[in-house]
Amino acid sequence: MKSGAAMTRTLERYEQDLADYAERHVSHEGAVRTAFQNLLDDCKPDGWKLIHEERLSNGVEPDGTMHDDYNLRRGYWEAKDTHDDLETEIRKKIAKGYPTSNIIFEDTRRAVLYQNGGRHMEADLREKRQLTDLLKAFFDYQEPHLVSFTQAVAEFGERIPELADGLKRIIVAEHQARNRAFDDAWASFYALCKTTLDPNMRAETVDEMLVQHLLTERLFRSVFDNPHFLDNNVIAREIEKVIAALTSRVFNRSEFLRALDHFYVAIEREARGLSDWSEKQGFMNTVYERFFQNWSKRQADTHGIVYTPQPIVDFMCASVEEVLQRDFGTSLSAPGVSVLDPATGTGSFIVNILRRIGGATLE
């Protein structure tokens, strides 16, 4: 949240907005809620986004839902008409199923903040100190399970470089040891990549794909709730053959990845709270971005992982669906429909977000 002079200017704009409405004798919710909406937008941390009237899984639609940079819901906001009784309206909304994990109910004059299922504080919105305290409590709050998730993300960033480098050393050692099973599986996969993905693909890129797959495969399989991913994805299936040969002699996959188990469990727990594919795509897009930023910033920049906005991803998926329905009379969810992604070997996130859309397979 902003502080100092920036926060002072933000509060002054909020007060001016309310003064303008009062001068015009405007007091209905549809109009005056804009002032608090703008205030939340101005104060939110970098990377966060305020979604207006987002429908939650139980059907309720708060006036605002605050998403963090992992696309996790971090808080809610509900505005009421100044002529309504705020306490009565709060009881009605809670009875309908509005979340009380971290939500502000306000009527431009008074606000009530609920956190962790209970009433946390009240604020007179005409008092700057109380308003500032309310906003700080709202934006600073982390649900207990999100605290562990945040810690896990930090651990993930710290451990990824050393784990990735360790995997690369093992792979290089197996190349040098002339492990016949590994060499044959690796050569077959390399030929497949050059045939289907890029005829100029470097051998080093294939090794990077093995590292990438080993460290992230569990996350995509579990977050998208797709235990049969390896059966339906020809690239992943062939990578698994190479990894099976790699682990046949000196490498224990489960033991090696146990160092990241805390992170895997935390992210899987958060993913269970995401209700649709678009949310999961955005969530994993950010996680995957963190993976490459911590492992290979050069690769992240080269392949544009960081710079593919989620709306573009949604547009691409919707466009594929439209063409399938219009020209082929089928859809991404139809059995047997597969999507060949030319960027699989590059580490581009598009390989993952198109992997299983409504049941479609990616090859």
Protein backbone atom coordinates (compact mmCIF):
# COMPACT_ATOMS: atom_id res chain seq x y z
CA MET A 1 0.00 0.00 0.00
CA LYS A 2 1.13 3.57 -0.65
CA SER A 3 2.55 5.66 2.13
CA GLY A 4 3.61 9.22 2.82
CA ALA A 5 2.87 11.93 0.25
CA ALA A 6 1.44 9.46 -2.28
CA MET A 7 -1.11 8.23 0.24
CA THR A 8 -2.01 11.79 1.20
CA ARG A 9 -2.76 12.63 -2.43
CA THR A 10 -4.83 9.46 -2.82
CA LEU A 11 -6.96 10.31 0.22
CA GLU A 12 -7.41 13.87 -1.01
CA ARG A 13 -8.72 12.58 -4.34
CA TYR A 14 -11.13 10.31 -2.50
CA GLU A 15 -12.42 13.19 -0.38
CA GLN A 16 -12.81 15.36 -3.49
CA ASP A 17 -14.79 12.63 -5.25
CA LEU A 18 -17.19 12.41 -2.33
CA ALA A 19 -17.48 16.19 -2.15
CA ASP A 20 -18.36 16.30 -5.85
CA TYR A 21 -21.11 13.72 -5.37
CA ALA A 22 -22.48 15.58 -2.34
CA GLU A 23 -22.56 18.85 -4.27
CA ARG A 24 -24.68 17.14 -6.92
CA HIS A 25 -26.90 15.51 -4.28
CA VAL A 26 -25.88 12.03 -5.49
CA SER A 27 -26.10 9.34 -2.83
CA HIS A 28 -27.18 6.08 -4.52
CA GLU A 29 -24.80 3.13 -4.39
CA GLY A 30 -24.22 2.84 -8.14
CA ALA A 31 -22.63 6.28 -8.20
CA VAL A 32 -20.93 6.84 -4.86
CA ARG A 33 -19.26 3.43 -4.78
CA THR A 34 -17.00 4.63 -7.60
CA ALA A 35 -15.11 6.81 -5.13
CA PHE A 36 -14.16 3.87 -2.88
CA GLN A 37 -13.48 1.69 -5.90
CA ASN A 38 -10.96 4.26 -7.16
CA LEU A 39 -9.45 4.44 -3.69
CA LEU A 40 -8.87 0.68 -3.59
CA ASP A 41 -7.41 0.76 -7.08
CA ASP A 42 -5.02 3.56 -6.11
CA CYS A 43 -3.88 1.85 -2.91
CA LYS A 44 -3.48 -1.75 -4.02
CA PRO A 45 0.04 -3.26 -4.19
CA ASP A 46 1.84 -3.51 -7.50
CA GLY A 47 0.68 -6.50 -9.51
CA TRP A 48 -2.69 -6.75 -7.76
CA LYS A 49 -5.96 -6.31 -9.63
CA LEU A 50 -9.45 -5.32 -8.52
CA ILE A 51 -12.08 -7.36 -10.38
CA HIS A 52 -15.55 -5.82 -10.44
CA GLU A 53 -18.57 -8.02 -9.65
CA GLU A 54 -16.73 -11.30 -10.09
CA ARG A 55 -19.01 -14.28 -9.56
CA LEU A 56 -17.67 -16.60 -6.85
CA SER A 57 -18.20 -20.36 -6.78
CA ASN A 58 -21.27 -20.03 -4.51
CA GLY A 59 -22.92 -17.55 -6.90
CA VAL A 60 -22.42 -14.33 -4.93
CA GLU A 61 -20.88 -11.28 -6.63
CA PRO A 62 -19.12 -8.79 -4.34
CA ASP A 63 -18.71 -5.33 -5.81
CA GLY A 64 -14.96 -5.93 -5.87
CA THR A 65 -12.63 -8.90 -5.54
CA MET A 66 -8.93 -8.20 -5.03
CA HIS A 67 -6.52 -10.61 -6.73
CA ASP A 68 -2.81 -10.68 -5.98
CA ASP A 69 -0.03 -11.27 -8.50
CA TYR A 70 -0.59 -15.04 -8.22
CA ASN A 71 -4.24 -14.52 -9.17
CA LEU A 72 -5.26 -15.57 -5.65
CA ARG A 73 -8.24 -13.80 -4.09
CA ARG A 74 -6.90 -11.70 -1.23
CA GLY A 75 -9.93 -9.64 -0.26
CA TYR A 76 -13.41 -8.40 -1.12
CA TRP A 77 -15.35 -5.17 -1.03
CA GLU A 78 -19.08 -4.51 -0.90
CA ALA A 79 -20.62 -1.04 -1.15
CA LYS A 80 -24.08 -0.14 0.15
CA ASP A 81 -26.40 2.78 -0.43
CA THR A 82 -26.04 5.62 2.07
CA HIS A 83 -29.78 5.35 2.77
CA ASP A 84 -29.48 1.67 3.77
CA ASP A 85 -28.78 0.47 7.28
CA LEU A 86 -25.24 -0.88 6.95
CA GLU A 87 -25.53 -3.43 9.77
CA THR A 88 -28.71 -4.88 8.28
CA GLU A 89 -27.15 -5.08 4.83
CA ILE A 90 -24.05 -6.80 6.24
CA ARG A 91 -26.18 -9.48 7.89
CA LYS A 92 -28.05 -10.05 4.63
CA LYS A 93 -24.87 -10.38 2.59
CA ILE A 94 -23.23 -12.76 5.04
CA ALA A 95 -26.40 -14.87 5.10
CA LYS A 96 -26.19 -15.10 1.30
CA GLY A 97 -22.67 -16.48 1.52
CA TYR A 98 -20.45 -13.44 1.05
CA PRO A 99 -16.93 -14.40 2.21
CA THR A 100 -15.78 -13.08 5.57
CA SER A 101 -12.12 -14.01 5.16
CA ASN A 102 -11.18 -10.38 4.38
CA ILE A 103 -14.00 -8.09 3.26
CA ILE A 104 -14.87 -4.41 3.62
CA PHE A 105 -18.53 -3.41 3.86
CA GLU A 106 -18.97 0.37 3.46
CA ASP A 107 -21.56 3.07 2.73
CA THR A 108 -19.14 6.00 2.10
CA ARG A 109 -19.54 7.17 5.71
CA ARG A 110 -18.73 4.05 7.71
CA ALA A 111 -16.96 0.77 7.01
CA VAL A 112 -16.81 -2.59 8.74
CA LEU A 113 -13.93 -4.98 8.08
CA TYR A 114 -14.40 -8.71 8.55
CA GLN A 115 -11.34 -10.98 8.69
CA ASN A 116 -10.88 -14.67 9.36
CA GLY A 117 -14.63 -15.14 9.74
CA GLY A 118 -15.20 -12.44 12.34
CA ARG A 119 -15.67 -8.72 12.78
CA HIS A 120 -12.20 -7.17 12.94
CA MET A 121 -12.67 -3.37 13.00
CA GLU A 122 -14.89 -0.44 12.15
CA ALA A 123 -13.88 2.88 10.64
CA ASP A 124 -15.36 6.32 10.19
CA LEU A 125 -14.48 6.96 6.54
CA ARG A 126 -14.56 10.72 7.16
CA GLU A 127 -11.56 10.38 9.47
CA LYS A 128 -8.28 10.02 7.56
CA ARG A 129 -6.50 8.08 10.30
CA GLN A 130 -9.29 5.54 10.61
CA LEU A 131 -9.57 5.20 6.83
CA THR A 132 -5.83 4.68 6.52
CA ASP A 133 -5.85 2.05 9.28
CA LEU A 134 -8.72 0.26 7.57
CA LEU A 135 -6.92 0.12 4.22
CA LYS A 136 -3.68 -1.02 5.80
CA ALA A 137 -5.42 -3.82 7.69
CA PHE A 138 -7.22 -4.89 4.50
CA PHE A 139 -4.17 -4.99 2.24
CA ASP A 140 -1.74 -6.38 4.82
CA TYR A 141 -3.93 -9.29 5.87
CA GLN A 142 -2.94 -12.80 4.87
CA GLU A 143 -5.06 -15.81 5.60
CA PRO A 144 -3.04 -18.37 7.59
CA HIS A 145 -2.72 -20.75 4.65
CA LEU A 146 -1.52 -17.90 2.41
CA VAL A 147 1.28 -17.15 4.83
CA SER A 148 2.66 -20.65 4.28
CA PHE A 149 2.15 -20.25 0.54
CA THR A 150 4.11 -16.99 0.49
CA GLN A 151 6.90 -18.62 2.46
CA ALA A 152 6.88 -21.56 0.06
CA VAL A 153 7.19 -19.26 -2.96
CA ALA A 154 10.21 -17.60 -1.40
CA GLU A 155 11.75 -21.00 -0.73
CA PHE A 156 10.99 -22.08 -4.30
CA GLY A 157 12.88 -19.08 -5.66
CA GLU A 158 15.86 -19.81 -3.46
CA ARG A 159 16.07 -23.53 -4.17
CA ILE A 160 15.29 -23.64 -7.91
CA PRO A 161 18.73 -22.49 -9.16
CA GLU A 162 20.66 -25.05 -7.15
CA LEU A 163 18.23 -27.87 -7.95
CA ALA A 164 18.19 -27.02 -11.66
CA ASP A 165 21.98 -26.84 -11.76
CA GLY A 166 22.17 -30.14 -9.93
CA LEU A 167 19.90 -31.77 -12.48
CA LYS A 168 21.95 -30.37 -15.35
CA ARG A 169 25.13 -31.83 -13.85
CA ILE A 170 23.49 -35.26 -13.52
CA ILE A 171 22.34 -35.14 -17.14
CA VAL A 172 25.76 -34.08 -18.39
CA ALA A 173 27.37 -36.86 -16.35
CA GLU A 174 25.07 -39.44 -17.90
CA HIS A 175 25.94 -38.18 -21.37
CA GLN A 176 29.61 -38.63 -20.54
CA ALA A 177 29.11 -42.02 -18.88
CA ARG A 178 27.62 -43.42 -22.06
CA ASN A 179 24.53 -44.80 -20.34
CA ARG A 180 23.16 -46.75 -23.31
CA ALA A 181 19.54 -46.70 -22.21
CA PHE A 182 19.70 -42.96 -21.55
CA ASP A 183 21.58 -42.21 -24.79
CA ASP A 184 19.05 -44.12 -26.90
CA ALA A 185 16.01 -42.52 -25.22
CA TRP A 186 17.58 -39.07 -25.39
CA ALA A 187 18.49 -39.42 -29.08
CA SER A 188 14.97 -40.59 -29.95
CA PHE A 189 13.45 -37.64 -28.12
CA TYR A 190 15.89 -35.21 -29.73
CA ALA A 191 14.91 -36.50 -33.17
CA LEU A 192 11.22 -36.10 -32.30
CA CYS A 193 11.78 -32.50 -31.17
CA LYS A 194 13.65 -31.59 -34.35
CA THR A 195 10.94 -33.19 -36.49
CA THR A 196 7.89 -31.76 -34.75
CA LEU A 197 9.15 -28.58 -33.09
CA ASP A 198 12.30 -27.07 -34.54
CA PRO A 199 14.78 -28.64 -36.99
CA ASN A 200 17.48 -26.36 -35.62
CA MET A 201 16.92 -27.20 -31.97
CA ARG A 202 20.16 -27.41 -29.98
CA ALA A 203 21.05 -30.42 -27.86
CA GLU A 204 21.37 -28.10 -24.85
CA THR A 205 17.72 -27.12 -25.26
CA VAL A 206 16.66 -30.75 -24.91
CA ASP A 207 18.58 -31.01 -21.65
CA GLU A 208 16.88 -27.82 -20.44
CA MET A 209 13.50 -29.38 -21.30
CA LEU A 210 14.33 -32.35 -19.09
CA VAL A 211 15.16 -30.05 -16.18
CA GLN A 212 12.04 -27.97 -16.74
CA HIS A 213 9.81 -31.04 -16.90
CA LEU A 214 11.28 -32.67 -13.82
CA LEU A 215 10.77 -29.57 -11.68
CA THR A 216 7.30 -28.54 -12.89
CA GLU A 217 5.46 -31.63 -14.15
CA ARG A 218 3.86 -32.38 -10.79
CA LEU A 219 2.50 -28.84 -10.51
CA PHE A 220 0.76 -28.83 -13.88
CA ARG A 221 -0.63 -32.32 -13.35
CA SER A 222 -2.06 -31.46 -9.93
CA VAL A 223 -3.17 -27.85 -10.46
CA PHE A 224 -5.12 -28.74 -13.61
CA ASP A 225 -6.37 -31.94 -11.93
CA ASN A 226 -5.18 -34.05 -14.84
CA PRO A 227 -3.56 -37.29 -13.63
CA HIS A 228 -3.50 -38.60 -17.21
CA PHE A 229 -1.46 -35.73 -18.60
CA LEU A 230 1.48 -37.99 -19.44
CA ASP A 231 -0.79 -40.36 -21.36
CA ASN A 232 -2.29 -37.60 -23.50
CA ASN A 233 0.74 -35.40 -24.15
CA VAL A 234 3.17 -36.94 -26.60
CA ILE A 235 6.03 -34.58 -25.69
CA ALA A 236 5.63 -35.19 -21.97
CA ARG A 237 5.31 -38.92 -22.59
CA GLU A 238 8.56 -39.03 -24.53
CA ILE A 239 10.32 -36.88 -21.94
CA GLU A 240 9.26 -39.41 -19.30
CA LYS A 241 10.97 -42.16 -21.27
CA VAL A 242 14.22 -40.20 -21.18
CA ILE A 243 13.82 -39.52 -17.46
CA ALA A 244 13.09 -43.21 -16.79
CA ALA A 245 16.39 -44.05 -18.46
CA LEU A 246 18.12 -41.28 -16.51
CA THR A 247 16.83 -42.63 -13.20
CA SER A 248 17.63 -46.23 -14.02
CA ARG A 249 21.21 -45.98 -12.77
CA VAL A 250 22.02 -43.18 -10.31
CA PHE A 251 19.15 -40.77 -9.95
CA ASN A 252 16.21 -41.02 -7.51
CA ARG A 253 13.51 -38.65 -8.71
CA SER A 254 11.34 -38.66 -5.60
CA GLU A 255 14.28 -38.15 -3.26
CA PHE A 256 15.67 -35.32 -5.37
CA LEU A 257 12.37 -33.43 -5.51
CA ARG A 258 11.60 -33.90 -1.82
CA ALA A 259 13.39 -30.61 -1.20
CA LEU A 260 10.53 -28.84 -3.00
CA ASP A 261 7.69 -30.83 -1.49
CA HIS A 262 6.70 -27.97 0.82
CA PHE A 263 6.28 -25.69 -2.18
CA TYR A 264 4.36 -28.27 -4.18
CA VAL A 265 1.93 -28.91 -1.34
CA ALA A 266 1.35 -25.19 -0.74
CA ILE A 267 0.66 -24.38 -4.39
CA GLU A 268 -1.60 -27.40 -4.81
CA ARG A 269 -3.61 -26.34 -1.78
CA GLU A 270 -4.08 -22.84 -3.22
CA ALA A 271 -5.04 -24.20 -6.63
CA ARG A 272 -7.91 -26.13 -5.10
CA GLY A 273 -9.57 -22.79 -4.35
CA LEU A 274 -9.56 -21.73 -8.02
CA SER A 275 -12.89 -22.45 -9.64
CA ASP A 276 -12.27 -22.37 -13.39
CA TRP A 277 -9.63 -22.93 -16.06
CA SER A 278 -8.97 -19.26 -16.68
CA GLU A 279 -8.11 -18.69 -13.01
CA LYS A 280 -5.82 -21.72 -12.99
CA GLN A 281 -4.11 -20.57 -16.19
CA GLY A 282 -3.40 -17.15 -14.72
CA PHE A 283 -2.20 -18.68 -11.47
CA MET A 284 0.16 -21.13 -13.16
CA ASN A 285 1.31 -18.49 -15.62
CA THR A 286 2.67 -16.50 -12.69
CA VAL A 287 4.16 -19.55 -10.97
CA TYR A 288 5.84 -20.63 -14.19
CA GLU A 289 7.16 -17.10 -14.65
CA ARG A 290 8.73 -17.31 -11.18
CA PHE A 291 10.29 -20.63 -12.12
CA PHE A 292 12.11 -19.22 -15.14
CA GLN A 293 13.01 -15.93 -13.50
CA ASN A 294 14.80 -17.85 -10.76
CA TRP A 295 16.31 -20.52 -12.97
CA SER A 296 17.05 -18.87 -16.31
CA LYS A 297 16.26 -15.18 -16.74
CA ARG A 298 17.77 -15.35 -20.24
CA GLN A 299 15.38 -18.12 -21.23
CA ALA A 300 12.41 -16.29 -19.74
CA ASP A 301 13.23 -13.16 -21.75
CA THR A 302 14.03 -15.06 -24.94
CA HIS A 303 10.81 -17.02 -24.96
CA GLY A 304 8.52 -14.23 -23.81
CA ILE A 305 7.20 -16.12 -20.79
CA VAL A 306 6.96 -12.99 -18.68
CA TYR A 307 5.35 -10.87 -21.33
CA THR A 308 2.33 -12.91 -22.47
CA PRO A 309 -0.71 -11.22 -20.87
CA GLN A 310 -3.48 -13.47 -19.64
CA PRO A 311 -6.12 -11.75 -21.85
CA ILE A 312 -4.06 -12.78 -24.90
CA VAL A 313 -3.96 -16.35 -23.64
CA ASP A 314 -7.74 -16.32 -23.15
CA PHE A 315 -8.20 -14.88 -26.65
CA MET A 316 -6.06 -17.61 -28.20
CA CYS A 317 -7.99 -20.36 -26.46
CA ALA A 318 -11.35 -18.82 -27.40
CA SER A 319 -10.22 -18.43 -31.01
CA VAL A 320 -9.23 -22.09 -31.28
CA GLU A 321 -12.58 -23.11 -29.82
CA GLU A 322 -14.47 -20.89 -32.29
CA VAL A 323 -12.62 -22.28 -35.32
CA LEU A 324 -13.16 -25.86 -34.18
CA GLN A 325 -16.88 -25.32 -33.77
CA ARG A 326 -17.36 -23.30 -36.96
CA ASP A 327 -15.21 -25.27 -39.38
CA PHE A 328 -15.08 -28.77 -37.92
CA GLY A 329 -18.24 -29.10 -35.86
CA THR A 330 -16.31 -30.05 -32.75
CA SER A 331 -14.69 -28.41 -29.73
CA LEU A 332 -11.65 -28.55 -27.48
CA SER A 333 -13.62 -30.65 -25.01
CA ALA A 334 -14.47 -33.35 -27.59
CA PRO A 335 -12.73 -36.72 -27.19
CA GLY A 336 -9.73 -37.12 -29.44
CA VAL A 337 -9.20 -33.40 -30.12
CA SER A 338 -5.52 -32.59 -29.77
CA VAL A 339 -3.55 -29.36 -30.06
CA LEU A 340 -0.02 -29.43 -31.46
CA ASP A 341 1.99 -26.69 -29.81
CA PRO A 342 5.13 -25.62 -31.69
CA ALA A 343 6.65 -23.97 -28.63
CA THR A 344 6.83 -26.95 -26.29
CA GLY A 345 10.57 -27.21 -26.49
CA THR A 346 11.16 -23.54 -25.83
CA GLY A 347 9.66 -23.43 -22.35
CA SER A 348 6.87 -21.13 -23.50
CA PHE A 349 3.96 -21.21 -21.10
CA ILE A 350 1.49 -21.67 -23.96
CA VAL A 351 2.35 -25.38 -23.94
CA ASN A 352 0.83 -25.63 -20.50
CA ILE A 353 -2.19 -23.40 -20.76
CA LEU A 354 -3.42 -25.15 -23.91
CA ARG A 355 -2.57 -28.55 -22.56
CA ARG A 356 -5.95 -29.47 -21.13
CA ILE A 357 -8.72 -26.98 -21.91
CA GLY A 358 -11.99 -28.61 -21.04
CA GLY A 359 -10.53 -32.06 -21.65
CA ALA A 360 -8.57 -31.45 -24.85
CA THR A 361 -5.12 -32.95 -25.07
CA LEU A 362 -1.94 -31.24 -26.12
CA GLU A 363 0.55 -33.07 -28.30
